[in-house]
Each structure stands twice: as C-alpha cells, then as structure tokens.
C-alpha cells in the first residue's frame, strides 16, 4: 500500500495540528505498513523544504516527529514517471486548489503524482489533513462537534490504468475500517462483544447516501436502520454516543428510543466498545436488555 501525502499538512493549520498530522502519518507507516511515496517523487512539491522548519523547531515533539517522517519519505517508494500526460479526474480541485486559503494551486501536480504512484500496480491511498471549508464541514453540538467529511474518495481515469479510486485517509482507523473514511472513526464497528454496533449503510460510499442528517433537531450520523448517532452535547471527550433509535421494531426490542453507547477508542474505564455506556434512572425500568446486529 502506497501512501501519498497532502501538501496541506504543512501549508494549513497550527503547529499543534501539524504535530497531530505527522503523528498520524508516522503511525500509518510504523504500525500499519503503509509505504510513503518518496519525497523526490512528488511533482512540484519540495518536502525537504516543508520539513526543514519542523526539524529545526524548538518543540522537541515536533522535531522528533518530523525526523521520523523524513526517514519514511527518504526510504519511500520511487515509481517510474507515468507517461500519461492527461487524465480525467474528480475531487482534485476541491482538495488541492488551495488559492482560497492563501496558498497555491497544487491540483495538476498532485494529479500527476498520483498517476506516478498508480504505475506501481499497488493500492494507492491519500493521507489527508482535515480543513474546515475544504474537505470537512463542522456542526457544533453543545460543547462537542460533529465533523462531516465532504471528500472521501478521489477518482482518476487514464488509458493505461482504467478508472481508479483513491481512498482519502484522515485517521489510522480508516485503514482497518474503510467506511470510517466518511464516518467518524469513533463509531463502534460490528465485532465480537459489540452489543450496539454502528451498522454502516450498504452503499455508504455513494454521494446520494446521506451520511449525516438532522434527527430530533441534532446533526447525526445515520446507520442502515435510520438510527441517529450524535455526539453528546454536554461532552467534550467523545467517550460515548447518544443513539436515537428510530425504528419501531428496534424500539420495542430495546424498550427505549435512545441509548448511550461506548465509542471506539474510549478509555477502558468507560466500558467496552459498542456496549451500553450508562442509563438514567428514568430509563432503567423500561430497558429490556435487547441488542442488535448488522
């Protein structure tokens, strides 16, 4: 698996966001076997220049993370240059024309870079930075927020490679549960011991499938049953989800029309992923103990 990096990692955002982004990239390489495209294989992008400032930073965490990233880039995959000069593409303008953010237009260079990477015949992914107004829409919910991803797949089509899809990765969990490239990575996936999983819609990747809509006056991720998964308005930590159960059959099975479910990645003291997080006193008498499966 070949990973192509987003120039916005270094062009947009604060030093704290840059550190977060570099740690994400390094984790994908160190723990999940992603091999980055080498620094010299990008068209019109000088990664050595981008990294120089971070490596010279007085922030030791930033410096250490940048040094690790430089090593992955220096030892990265070096593809032959593609002989395809033009291709049909979708999504590149949205992601890489950064003129609206006071930066340059990297669309053509990134398209050629992706074509070069695809010439290897391996799976190619994009490791991307989330930037409001570019590829994510933020919906405030009390003290929390819901992030709606607006670009999760890029498309290219050329004579020598046919039509190819390139998944947009924003978190290391995207490599394990592909549907999380569009949905929040903290949603619990089906699996052993998961009582209340988020059951992703069958055609989740299609643009005509609404990943997020308003349910009971709140923005919610919608599963295949029509249930709404909402970040609790009083929570700053995202340890659980408020699940609004919309189907009559499920409501009768559970005995309630709302549950609090432990999020993926929550601390151990919060409970097991996909388990019941808590019940208020008023809900206890009505809860039947029912569960659901995908």
C-alpha atoms as a PDB file:
ATOM      1  CA  UNK A   1       0.000   0.000   0.000  1.00  0.00           C
ATOM      2  CA  UNK A   2       1.490   3.324  -1.134  1.00  0.00           C
ATOM      3  CA  UNK A   3       0.622   6.490   0.763  1.00  0.00           C
ATOM      4  CA  UNK A   4       0.610   9.897  -0.956  1.00  0.00           C
ATOM      5  CA  UNK A   5       0.838  12.929   1.334  1.00  0.00           C
ATOM      6  CA  UNK A   6      -1.275  16.063   1.310  1.00  0.00           C
ATOM      7  CA  UNK A   7       0.680  19.368   0.931  1.00  0.00           C
ATOM      8  CA  UNK A   8      -1.888  20.990   3.227  1.00  0.00           C
ATOM      9  CA  UNK A   9      -0.262  19.141   6.140  1.00  0.00           C
ATOM     10  CA  UNK A  10       2.417  21.850   6.144  1.00  0.00           C
ATOM     11  CA  UNK A  11       0.585  24.719   4.472  1.00  0.00           C
ATOM     12  CA  UNK A  12      -2.529  24.999   6.636  1.00  0.00           C
ATOM     13  CA  UNK A  13      -3.130  24.759  10.368  1.00  0.00           C
ATOM     14  CA  UNK A  14      -1.327  25.434  13.639  1.00  0.00           C
ATOM     15  CA  UNK A  15       1.893  23.788  14.930  1.00  0.00           C
ATOM     16  CA  UNK A  16      -0.302  21.625  17.164  1.00  0.00           C
ATOM     17  CA  UNK A  17      -2.281  20.460  14.137  1.00  0.00           C
ATOM     18  CA  UNK A  18       0.956  19.800  12.243  1.00  0.00           C
ATOM     19  CA  UNK A  19       2.213  17.601  15.095  1.00  0.00           C
ATOM     20  CA  UNK A  20      -1.087  15.723  15.151  1.00  0.00           C
ATOM     21  CA  UNK A  21      -0.904  15.207  11.384  1.00  0.00           C
ATOM     22  CA  UNK A  22       2.699  13.974  11.417  1.00  0.00           C
ATOM     23  CA  UNK A  23       1.956  11.563  14.255  1.00  0.00           C
ATOM     24  CA  UNK A  24      -0.958  10.222  12.176  1.00  0.00           C
ATOM     25  CA  UNK A  25       1.291   9.690   9.138  1.00  0.00           C
ATOM     26  CA  UNK A  26       4.047   8.054  11.184  1.00  0.00           C
ATOM     27  CA  UNK A  27       1.561   5.721  12.886  1.00  0.00           C
ATOM     28  CA  UNK A  28       0.232   4.586   9.493  1.00  0.00           C
ATOM     29  CA  UNK A  29       3.782   3.721   8.435  1.00  0.00           C
ATOM     30  CA  UNK A  30       5.030   2.261  11.714  1.00  0.00           C
ATOM     31  CA  UNK A  31       2.014   0.190  12.719  1.00  0.00           C
ATOM     32  CA  UNK A  32       0.062  -0.432   9.529  1.00  0.00           C
ATOM     33  CA  UNK A  33       2.730  -0.994   6.889  1.00  0.00           C
ATOM     34  CA  UNK A  34       1.958   1.998   4.676  1.00  0.00           C
ATOM     35  CA  UNK A  35       4.922   2.837   2.434  1.00  0.00           C
ATOM     36  CA  UNK A  36       5.085   6.510   1.587  1.00  0.00           C
ATOM     37  CA  UNK A  37       5.828   7.810  -1.855  1.00  0.00           C
ATOM     38  CA  UNK A  38       9.427   9.055  -1.734  1.00  0.00           C
ATOM     39  CA  UNK A  39       9.995  12.784  -1.220  1.00  0.00           C
ATOM     40  CA  UNK A  40      11.506  13.174  -4.706  1.00  0.00           C
ATOM     41  CA  UNK A  41       8.512  11.566  -6.455  1.00  0.00           C
ATOM     42  CA  UNK A  42       6.099  14.469  -5.965  1.00  0.00           C
ATOM     43  CA  UNK A  43       5.524  16.848  -8.872  1.00  0.00           C
ATOM     44  CA  UNK A  44       6.137  20.453  -7.836  1.00  0.00           C
ATOM     45  CA  UNK A  45       6.295  19.750  -4.097  1.00  0.00           C
ATOM     46  CA  UNK A  46       9.522  20.080  -2.095  1.00  0.00           C
ATOM     47  CA  UNK A  47       9.001  18.015   1.052  1.00  0.00           C
ATOM     48  CA  UNK A  48      12.532  18.759   2.274  1.00  0.00           C
ATOM     49  CA  UNK A  49      11.604  22.443   2.349  1.00  0.00           C
ATOM     50  CA  UNK A  50       8.386  21.701   4.222  1.00  0.00           C
ATOM     51  CA  UNK A  51      10.163  19.532   6.788  1.00  0.00           C
ATOM     52  CA  UNK A  52      13.083  21.885   7.370  1.00  0.00           C
ATOM     53  CA  UNK A  53      11.134  24.246   9.622  1.00  0.00           C
ATOM     54  CA  UNK A  54       9.669  21.445  11.746  1.00  0.00           C
ATOM     55  CA  UNK A  55      13.032  19.703  12.144  1.00  0.00           C
ATOM     56  CA  UNK A  56      14.597  22.970  13.280  1.00  0.00           C
ATOM     57  CA  UNK A  57      11.787  23.656  15.744  1.00  0.00           C
ATOM     58  CA  UNK A  58      12.455  24.186  19.424  1.00  0.00           C
ATOM     59  CA  UNK A  59       9.455  21.948  20.104  1.00  0.00           C
ATOM     60  CA  UNK A  60      11.071  18.565  20.705  1.00  0.00           C
ATOM     61  CA  UNK A  61       7.908  16.582  19.971  1.00  0.00           C
ATOM     62  CA  UNK A  62       7.517  18.370  16.639  1.00  0.00           C
ATOM     63  CA  UNK A  63      11.195  17.870  15.820  1.00  0.00           C
ATOM     64  CA  UNK A  64      11.153  14.160  16.686  1.00  0.00           C
ATOM     65  CA  UNK A  65       8.007  13.520  14.664  1.00  0.00           C
ATOM     66  CA  UNK A  66       9.406  15.432  11.660  1.00  0.00           C
ATOM     67  CA  UNK A  67      12.655  13.446  11.776  1.00  0.00           C
ATOM     68  CA  UNK A  68      10.701  10.180  11.747  1.00  0.00           C
ATOM     69  CA  UNK A  69       8.597  11.378   8.814  1.00  0.00           C
ATOM     70  CA  UNK A  70      11.701  12.432   6.901  1.00  0.00           C
ATOM     71  CA  UNK A  71      13.062   8.906   7.271  1.00  0.00           C
ATOM     72  CA  UNK A  72       9.888   7.387   5.812  1.00  0.00           C
ATOM     73  CA  UNK A  73       9.978   9.849   2.907  1.00  0.00           C
ATOM     74  CA  UNK A  74      13.679   9.265   2.212  1.00  0.00           C
ATOM     75  CA  UNK A  75      13.120   5.491   2.160  1.00  0.00           C
ATOM     76  CA  UNK A  76       9.831   5.713   0.303  1.00  0.00           C
ATOM     77  CA  UNK A  77       8.704   4.152  -2.937  1.00  0.00           C
ATOM     78  CA  UNK A  78      10.205   5.640  -6.115  1.00  0.00           C
ATOM     79  CA  UNK A  79       7.862   4.903  -9.027  1.00  0.00           C
ATOM     80  CA  UNK A  80       8.691   5.312 -12.690  1.00  0.00           C
ATOM     81  CA  UNK A  81       7.250   8.514 -14.092  1.00  0.00           C
ATOM     82  CA  UNK A  82       3.916   7.829 -15.761  1.00  0.00           C
ATOM     83  CA  UNK A  83       3.785   8.547 -19.491  1.00  0.00           C
ATOM     84  CA  UNK A  84       0.156   9.676 -19.103  1.00  0.00           C
ATOM     85  CA  UNK A  85       0.118  13.435 -19.518  1.00  0.00           C
ATOM     86  CA  UNK A  86      -3.642  13.966 -19.231  1.00  0.00           C
ATOM     87  CA  UNK A  87      -6.395  12.134 -17.384  1.00  0.00           C
ATOM     88  CA  UNK A  88      -9.975  12.555 -16.269  1.00  0.00           C
ATOM     89  CA  UNK A  89     -10.120  13.226 -12.554  1.00  0.00           C
ATOM     90  CA  UNK A  90     -12.646  14.116  -9.879  1.00  0.00           C
ATOM     91  CA  UNK A  91     -12.117  15.667  -6.451  1.00  0.00           C
ATOM     92  CA  UNK A  92      -8.632  17.079  -7.007  1.00  0.00           C
ATOM     93  CA  UNK A  93      -9.779  20.693  -7.380  1.00  0.00           C
ATOM     94  CA  UNK A  94     -11.646  20.541  -4.070  1.00  0.00           C
ATOM     95  CA  UNK A  95      -8.632  19.187  -2.205  1.00  0.00           C
ATOM     96  CA  UNK A  96      -5.601  20.734  -3.839  1.00  0.00           C
ATOM     97  CA  UNK A  97      -6.591  24.129  -5.227  1.00  0.00           C
ATOM     98  CA  UNK A  98      -5.664  25.995  -2.063  1.00  0.00           C
ATOM     99  CA  UNK A  99      -5.825  29.506  -3.510  1.00  0.00           C
ATOM    100  CA  UNK A 100      -8.910  30.167  -1.404  1.00  0.00           C
ATOM    101  CA  UNK A 101      -6.744  29.564   1.681  1.00  0.00           C
ATOM    102  CA  UNK A 102      -3.949  31.924   0.594  1.00  0.00           C
ATOM    103  CA  UNK A 103      -1.795  29.141  -0.867  1.00  0.00           C
ATOM    104  CA  UNK A 104      -1.061  27.831  -4.365  1.00  0.00           C
ATOM    105  CA  UNK A 105      -2.907  25.529  -6.734  1.00  0.00           C
ATOM    106  CA  UNK A 106      -1.456  22.031  -6.387  1.00  0.00           C
ATOM    107  CA  UNK A 107      -4.124  20.227  -8.400  1.00  0.00           C
ATOM    108  CA  UNK A 108      -2.128  19.369 -11.539  1.00  0.00           C
ATOM    109  CA  UNK A 109       0.984  18.383  -9.626  1.00  0.00           C
ATOM    110  CA  UNK A 110      -0.928  16.118  -7.252  1.00  0.00           C
ATOM    111  CA  UNK A 111      -2.827  14.505 -10.142  1.00  0.00           C
ATOM    112  CA  UNK A 112       0.465  13.651 -11.876  1.00  0.00           C
ATOM    113  CA  UNK A 113       1.934  12.481  -8.559  1.00  0.00           C
ATOM    114  CA  UNK A 114      -0.999  10.098  -8.036  1.00  0.00           C
ATOM    115  CA  UNK A 115      -0.664   8.783 -11.602  1.00  0.00           C
ATOM    116  CA  UNK A 116       3.016   8.082 -10.970  1.00  0.00           C
ATOM    117  CA  UNK A 117       2.162   6.199  -7.771  1.00  0.00           C
ATOM    118  CA  UNK A 118      -0.522   4.158  -9.549  1.00  0.00           C
ATOM    119  CA  UNK A 119       2.003   2.982 -12.130  1.00  0.00           C
ATOM    120  CA  UNK A 120       3.366   0.602  -9.471  1.00  0.00           C
ATOM    121  CA  UNK A 121       0.213  -1.502  -9.715  1.00  0.00           C
ATOM    122  CA  UNK A 122      -0.302  -1.350  -5.931  1.00  0.00           C
ATOM    123  CA  UNK A 123      -3.123   0.136  -3.913  1.00  0.00           C
ATOM    124  CA  UNK A 124      -2.676   3.890  -3.508  1.00  0.00           C
ATOM    125  CA  UNK A 125      -4.195   5.955  -0.694  1.00  0.00           C
ATOM    126  CA  UNK A 126      -4.088   9.635   0.184  1.00  0.00           C
ATOM    127  CA  UNK A 127      -3.198  10.718   3.712  1.00  0.00           C
ATOM    128  CA  UNK A 128      -5.031  13.980   4.212  1.00  0.00           C
ATOM    129  CA  UNK A 129      -5.425  16.843   6.637  1.00  0.00           C
ATOM    130  CA  UNK A 130      -8.968  17.831   7.601  1.00  0.00           C
ATOM    131  CA  UNK A 131      -9.547  21.532   6.927  1.00  0.00           C
ATOM    132  CA  UNK A 132     -12.975  23.155   7.514  1.00  0.00           C
ATOM    133  CA  UNK A 133     -14.321  24.589   4.273  1.00  0.00           C
ATOM    134  CA  UNK A 134     -12.104  22.313   2.225  1.00  0.00           C
ATOM    135  CA  UNK A 135     -12.944  18.697   2.980  1.00  0.00           C
ATOM    136  CA  UNK A 136     -14.894  18.835   6.222  1.00  0.00           C
ATOM    137  CA  UNK A 137     -17.963  20.682   7.485  1.00  0.00           C
ATOM    138  CA  UNK A 138     -18.135  21.217  11.239  1.00  0.00           C
ATOM    139  CA  UNK A 139     -21.508  21.036  13.034  1.00  0.00           C
ATOM    140  CA  UNK A 140     -21.399  22.360  16.646  1.00  0.00           C
ATOM    141  CA  UNK A 141     -23.283  20.264  19.217  1.00  0.00           C
ATOM    142  CA  UNK A 142     -23.148  21.968  22.612  1.00  0.00           C
ATOM    143  CA  UNK A 143     -19.602  21.547  23.909  1.00  0.00           C
ATOM    144  CA  UNK A 144     -18.853  18.985  21.218  1.00  0.00           C
ATOM    145  CA  UNK A 145     -18.895  18.932  17.434  1.00  0.00           C
ATOM    146  CA  UNK A 146     -19.731  16.669  14.520  1.00  0.00           C
ATOM    147  CA  UNK A 147     -17.348  16.615  11.559  1.00  0.00           C
ATOM    148  CA  UNK A 148     -18.921  15.810   8.195  1.00  0.00           C
ATOM    149  CA  UNK A 149     -16.354  14.624   5.649  1.00  0.00           C
ATOM    150  CA  UNK A 150     -17.125  16.107   2.226  1.00  0.00           C
ATOM    151  CA  UNK A 151     -14.463  14.272   0.191  1.00  0.00           C
ATOM    152  CA  UNK A 152     -13.663  10.651   0.949  1.00  0.00           C
ATOM    153  CA  UNK A 153     -12.713   9.214  -2.462  1.00  0.00           C
ATOM    154  CA  UNK A 154     -10.801  10.640  -5.431  1.00  0.00           C
ATOM    155  CA  UNK A 155     -11.196   9.286  -8.949  1.00  0.00           C
ATOM    156  CA  UNK A 156      -8.776   9.172 -11.865  1.00  0.00           C
ATOM    157  CA  UNK A 157      -9.214   7.626 -15.287  1.00  0.00           C
ATOM    158  CA  UNK A 158      -6.480   7.168 -17.880  1.00  0.00           C
ATOM    159  CA  UNK A 159      -5.933   4.933 -20.875  1.00  0.00           C
ATOM    160  CA  UNK A 160      -3.217   2.798 -19.293  1.00  0.00           C
ATOM    161  CA  UNK A 161      -4.818   2.247 -15.867  1.00  0.00           C
ATOM    162  CA  UNK A 162      -8.579   2.498 -16.424  1.00  0.00           C
ATOM    163  CA  UNK A 163     -10.685   4.096 -13.687  1.00  0.00           C
ATOM    164  CA  UNK A 164      -9.158   4.031 -10.215  1.00  0.00           C
ATOM    165  CA  UNK A 165     -10.487   5.073  -6.816  1.00  0.00           C
ATOM    166  CA  UNK A 166      -8.128   6.554  -4.227  1.00  0.00           C
ATOM    167  CA  UNK A 167      -9.389   6.480  -0.651  1.00  0.00           C
ATOM    168  CA  UNK A 168      -8.838   9.608   1.462  1.00  0.00           C
ATOM    169  CA  UNK A 169      -7.453   8.668   4.888  1.00  0.00           C
ATOM    170  CA  UNK A 170      -7.827  11.008   7.866  1.00  0.00           C
ATOM    171  CA  UNK A 171      -7.162   8.633  10.782  1.00  0.00           C
ATOM    172  CA  UNK A 172      -5.242   5.391  11.248  1.00  0.00           C
ATOM    173  CA  UNK A 173      -8.509   3.526  11.898  1.00  0.00           C
ATOM    174  CA  UNK A 174      -9.508   4.223   8.282  1.00  0.00           C
ATOM    175  CA  UNK A 175      -7.011   1.515   7.307  1.00  0.00           C
ATOM    176  CA  UNK A 176      -8.900  -1.089   9.362  1.00  0.00           C
ATOM    177  CA  UNK A 177     -12.500   0.024   8.806  1.00  0.00           C
ATOM    178  CA  UNK A 178     -12.671   1.619   5.354  1.00  0.00           C
ATOM    179  CA  UNK A 179     -16.157   3.078   5.899  1.00  0.00           C
ATOM    180  CA  UNK A 180     -14.691   5.426   8.529  1.00  0.00           C
ATOM    181  CA  UNK A 181     -13.129   7.498   5.717  1.00  0.00           C
ATOM    182  CA  UNK A 182     -16.618   9.020   5.511  1.00  0.00           C
ATOM    183  CA  UNK A 183     -17.952   8.454   9.039  1.00  0.00           C
ATOM    184  CA  UNK A 184     -16.490   9.318  12.434  1.00  0.00           C
ATOM    185  CA  UNK A 185     -13.669   6.915  13.381  1.00  0.00           C
ATOM    186  CA  UNK A 186     -15.085   6.650  16.926  1.00  0.00           C
ATOM    187  CA  UNK A 187     -18.249   4.852  15.801  1.00  0.00           C
ATOM    188  CA  UNK A 188     -18.252   1.222  17.072  1.00  0.00           C
ATOM    189  CA  UNK A 189     -17.855  -1.389  14.329  1.00  0.00           C
ATOM    190  CA  UNK A 190     -19.568  -4.800  14.325  1.00  0.00           C
ATOM    191  CA  UNK A 191     -17.492  -7.451  16.046  1.00  0.00           C
ATOM    192  CA  UNK A 192     -17.185  -9.829  18.936  1.00  0.00           C
ATOM    193  CA  UNK A 193     -18.676  -8.444  22.142  1.00  0.00           C
ATOM    194  CA  UNK A 194     -20.127  -5.362  20.430  1.00  0.00           C
ATOM    195  CA  UNK A 195     -23.737  -5.130  21.600  1.00  0.00           C
ATOM    196  CA  UNK A 196     -24.720  -1.966  19.724  1.00  0.00           C
ATOM    197  CA  UNK A 197     -22.599  -1.514  16.589  1.00  0.00           C
ATOM    198  CA  UNK A 198     -22.913   1.235  14.028  1.00  0.00           C
ATOM    199  CA  UNK A 199     -24.251  -0.644  11.020  1.00  0.00           C
ATOM    200  CA  UNK A 200     -22.957   1.255   8.019  1.00  0.00           C
ATOM    201  CA  UNK A 201     -25.379   1.734   5.091  1.00  0.00           C
ATOM    202  CA  UNK A 202     -24.854  -0.809   2.318  1.00  0.00           C
ATOM    203  CA  UNK A 203     -23.779   1.773  -0.281  1.00  0.00           C
ATOM    204  CA  UNK A 204     -22.076   4.104   2.196  1.00  0.00           C
ATOM    205  CA  UNK A 205     -19.504   5.434  -0.315  1.00  0.00           C
ATOM    206  CA  UNK A 206     -22.099   6.796  -2.767  1.00  0.00           C
ATOM    207  CA  UNK A 207     -22.756  10.512  -2.724  1.00  0.00           C
ATOM    208  CA  UNK A 208     -26.540  10.048  -2.805  1.00  0.00           C
ATOM    209  CA  UNK A 209     -26.408   8.249   0.554  1.00  0.00           C
ATOM    210  CA  UNK A 210     -26.701  10.806   3.361  1.00  0.00           C
ATOM    211  CA  UNK A 211     -24.067  10.058   5.975  1.00  0.00           C
ATOM    212  CA  UNK A 212     -25.251  12.840   8.252  1.00  0.00           C
ATOM    213  CA  UNK A 213     -28.655  14.479   8.651  1.00  0.00           C
ATOM    214  CA  UNK A 214     -30.716  16.194  11.325  1.00  0.00           C
ATOM    215  CA  UNK A 215     -32.522  13.851  13.723  1.00  0.00           C
ATOM    216  CA  UNK A 216     -34.531  15.239  16.629  1.00  0.00           C
ATOM    217  CA  UNK A 217     -33.042  18.695  15.972  1.00  0.00           C
ATOM    218  CA  UNK A 218     -29.431  17.470  16.115  1.00  0.00           C
ATOM    219  CA  UNK A 219     -26.885  16.556  13.408  1.00  0.00           C
ATOM    220  CA  UNK A 220     -26.456  12.772  13.442  1.00  0.00           C
ATOM    221  CA  UNK A 221     -24.600  10.047  11.586  1.00  0.00           C
ATOM    222  CA  UNK A 222     -27.233   7.731  10.142  1.00  0.00           C
ATOM    223  CA  UNK A 223     -26.828   3.945  10.148  1.00  0.00           C
ATOM    224  CA  UNK A 224     -28.562   1.476   7.826  1.00  0.00           C
ATOM    225  CA  UNK A 225     -31.566   1.246  10.182  1.00  0.00           C
ATOM    226  CA  UNK A 226     -32.075   5.015  10.125  1.00  0.00           C
ATOM    227  CA  UNK A 227     -30.834   5.441  13.704  1.00  0.00           C
ATOM    228  CA  UNK A 228     -29.037   8.701  14.502  1.00  0.00           C
ATOM    229  CA  UNK A 229     -25.653   8.710  16.269  1.00  0.00           C
ATOM    230  CA  UNK A 230     -24.953  12.033  17.968  1.00  0.00           C
ATOM    231  CA  UNK A 231     -22.043  13.411  19.967  1.00  0.00           C
ATOM    232  CA  UNK A 232     -23.448  14.247  23.445  1.00  0.00           C
ATOM    233  CA  UNK A 233     -23.933  17.996  23.721  1.00  0.00           C
ATOM    234  CA  UNK A 234     -22.522  18.085  27.265  1.00  0.00           C
ATOM    235  CA  UNK A 235     -19.424  16.012  26.466  1.00  0.00           C
ATOM    236  CA  UNK A 236     -16.000  17.360  25.493  1.00  0.00           C
ATOM    237  CA  UNK A 237     -14.352  13.940  25.318  1.00  0.00           C
ATOM    238  CA  UNK A 238     -16.384  11.842  22.888  1.00  0.00           C
ATOM    239  CA  UNK A 239     -16.381   8.722  25.089  1.00  0.00           C
ATOM    240  CA  UNK A 240     -19.883   7.707  24.089  1.00  0.00           C
ATOM    241  CA  UNK A 241     -22.618   8.292  21.526  1.00  0.00           C
ATOM    242  CA  UNK A 242     -26.242   9.261  22.038  1.00  0.00           C
ATOM    243  CA  UNK A 243     -28.058   6.852  19.725  1.00  0.00           C
ATOM    244  CA  UNK A 244     -31.555   7.893  18.676  1.00  0.00           C
ATOM    245  CA  UNK A 245     -33.408   4.673  17.784  1.00  0.00           C
ATOM    246  CA  UNK A 246     -35.868   5.441  15.005  1.00  0.00           C
ATOM    247  CA  UNK A 247     -37.273   2.026  14.008  1.00  0.00           C
ATOM    248  CA  UNK A 248     -40.365   0.804  15.850  1.00  0.00           C
ATOM    249  CA  UNK A 249     -39.145  -2.818  15.900  1.00  0.00           C
ATOM    250  CA  UNK A 250     -35.814  -1.808  17.453  1.00  0.00           C
ATOM    251  CA  UNK A 251     -37.525   0.439  19.987  1.00  0.00           C
ATOM    252  CA  UNK A 252     -39.711  -2.467  21.065  1.00  0.00           C
ATOM    253  CA  UNK A 253     -36.699  -4.805  21.239  1.00  0.00           C
ATOM    254  CA  UNK A 254     -34.699  -2.367  23.402  1.00  0.00           C
ATOM    255  CA  UNK A 255     -37.604  -0.865  25.336  1.00  0.00           C
ATOM    256  CA  UNK A 256     -36.261   2.641  24.714  1.00  0.00           C
ATOM    257  CA  UNK A 257     -35.942   5.139  21.879  1.00  0.00           C
ATOM    258  CA  UNK A 258     -32.482   6.319  22.923  1.00  0.00           C
ATOM    259  CA  UNK A 259     -29.311   4.639  24.207  1.00  0.00           C
ATOM    260  CA  UNK A 260     -25.862   5.801  25.299  1.00  0.00           C
ATOM    261  CA  UNK A 261     -23.236   3.602  23.607  1.00  0.00           C
ATOM    262  CA  UNK A 262     -19.480   3.442  24.333  1.00  0.00           C
ATOM    263  CA  UNK A 263     -17.388   4.870  21.498  1.00  0.00           C
ATOM    264  CA  UNK A 264     -14.439   3.187  19.817  1.00  0.00           C
ATOM    265  CA  UNK A 265     -11.220   4.424  21.407  1.00  0.00           C
ATOM    266  CA  UNK A 266     -12.814   5.322  24.744  1.00  0.00           C
ATOM    267  CA  UNK A 267     -10.715   4.679  27.902  1.00  0.00           C
ATOM    268  CA  UNK A 268     -11.198   1.246  29.500  1.00  0.00           C
ATOM    269  CA  UNK A 269     -12.976   2.725  32.496  1.00  0.00           C
ATOM    270  CA  UNK A 270     -15.753   3.896  30.143  1.00  0.00           C
ATOM    271  CA  UNK A 271     -16.618   0.359  29.085  1.00  0.00           C
ATOM    272  CA  UNK A 272     -16.173  -1.906  26.072  1.00  0.00           C
ATOM    273  CA  UNK A 273     -16.620  -0.502  22.570  1.00  0.00           C
ATOM    274  CA  UNK A 274     -20.246  -0.747  21.491  1.00  0.00           C
ATOM    275  CA  UNK A 275     -21.504  -1.583  24.992  1.00  0.00           C
ATOM    276  CA  UNK A 276     -24.125   0.293  26.963  1.00  0.00           C
ATOM    277  CA  UNK A 277     -22.386   3.313  28.495  1.00  0.00           C
ATOM    278  CA  UNK A 278     -24.973   4.328  31.069  1.00  0.00           C
ATOM    279  CA  UNK A 279     -28.702   4.522  31.750  1.00  0.00           C
ATOM    280  CA  UNK A 280     -30.524   7.277  33.572  1.00  0.00           C
ATOM    281  CA  UNK A 281     -32.800   6.252  36.462  1.00  0.00           C
ATOM    282  CA  UNK A 282     -35.894   7.044  34.442  1.00  0.00           C
ATOM    283  CA  UNK A 283     -34.827   4.634  31.677  1.00  0.00           C
ATOM    284  CA  UNK A 284     -33.901   1.658  33.874  1.00  0.00           C
ATOM    285  CA  UNK A 285     -37.443   0.270  34.286  1.00  0.00           C
ATOM    286  CA  UNK A 286     -38.055   0.307  30.503  1.00  0.00           C
ATOM    287  CA  UNK A 287     -34.762  -1.180  29.309  1.00  0.00           C
ATOM    288  CA  UNK A 288     -35.238  -4.767  28.145  1.00  0.00           C
ATOM    289  CA  UNK A 289     -31.570  -5.638  27.628  1.00  0.00           C
ATOM    290  CA  UNK A 290     -32.131  -6.196  23.907  1.00  0.00           C
ATOM    291  CA  UNK A 291     -29.264  -5.817  21.438  1.00  0.00           C
ATOM    292  CA  UNK A 292     -28.891  -5.583  17.662  1.00  0.00           C
ATOM    293  CA  UNK A 293     -26.645  -6.966  14.956  1.00  0.00           C
ATOM    294  CA  UNK A 294     -25.789  -5.737  11.472  1.00  0.00           C
END
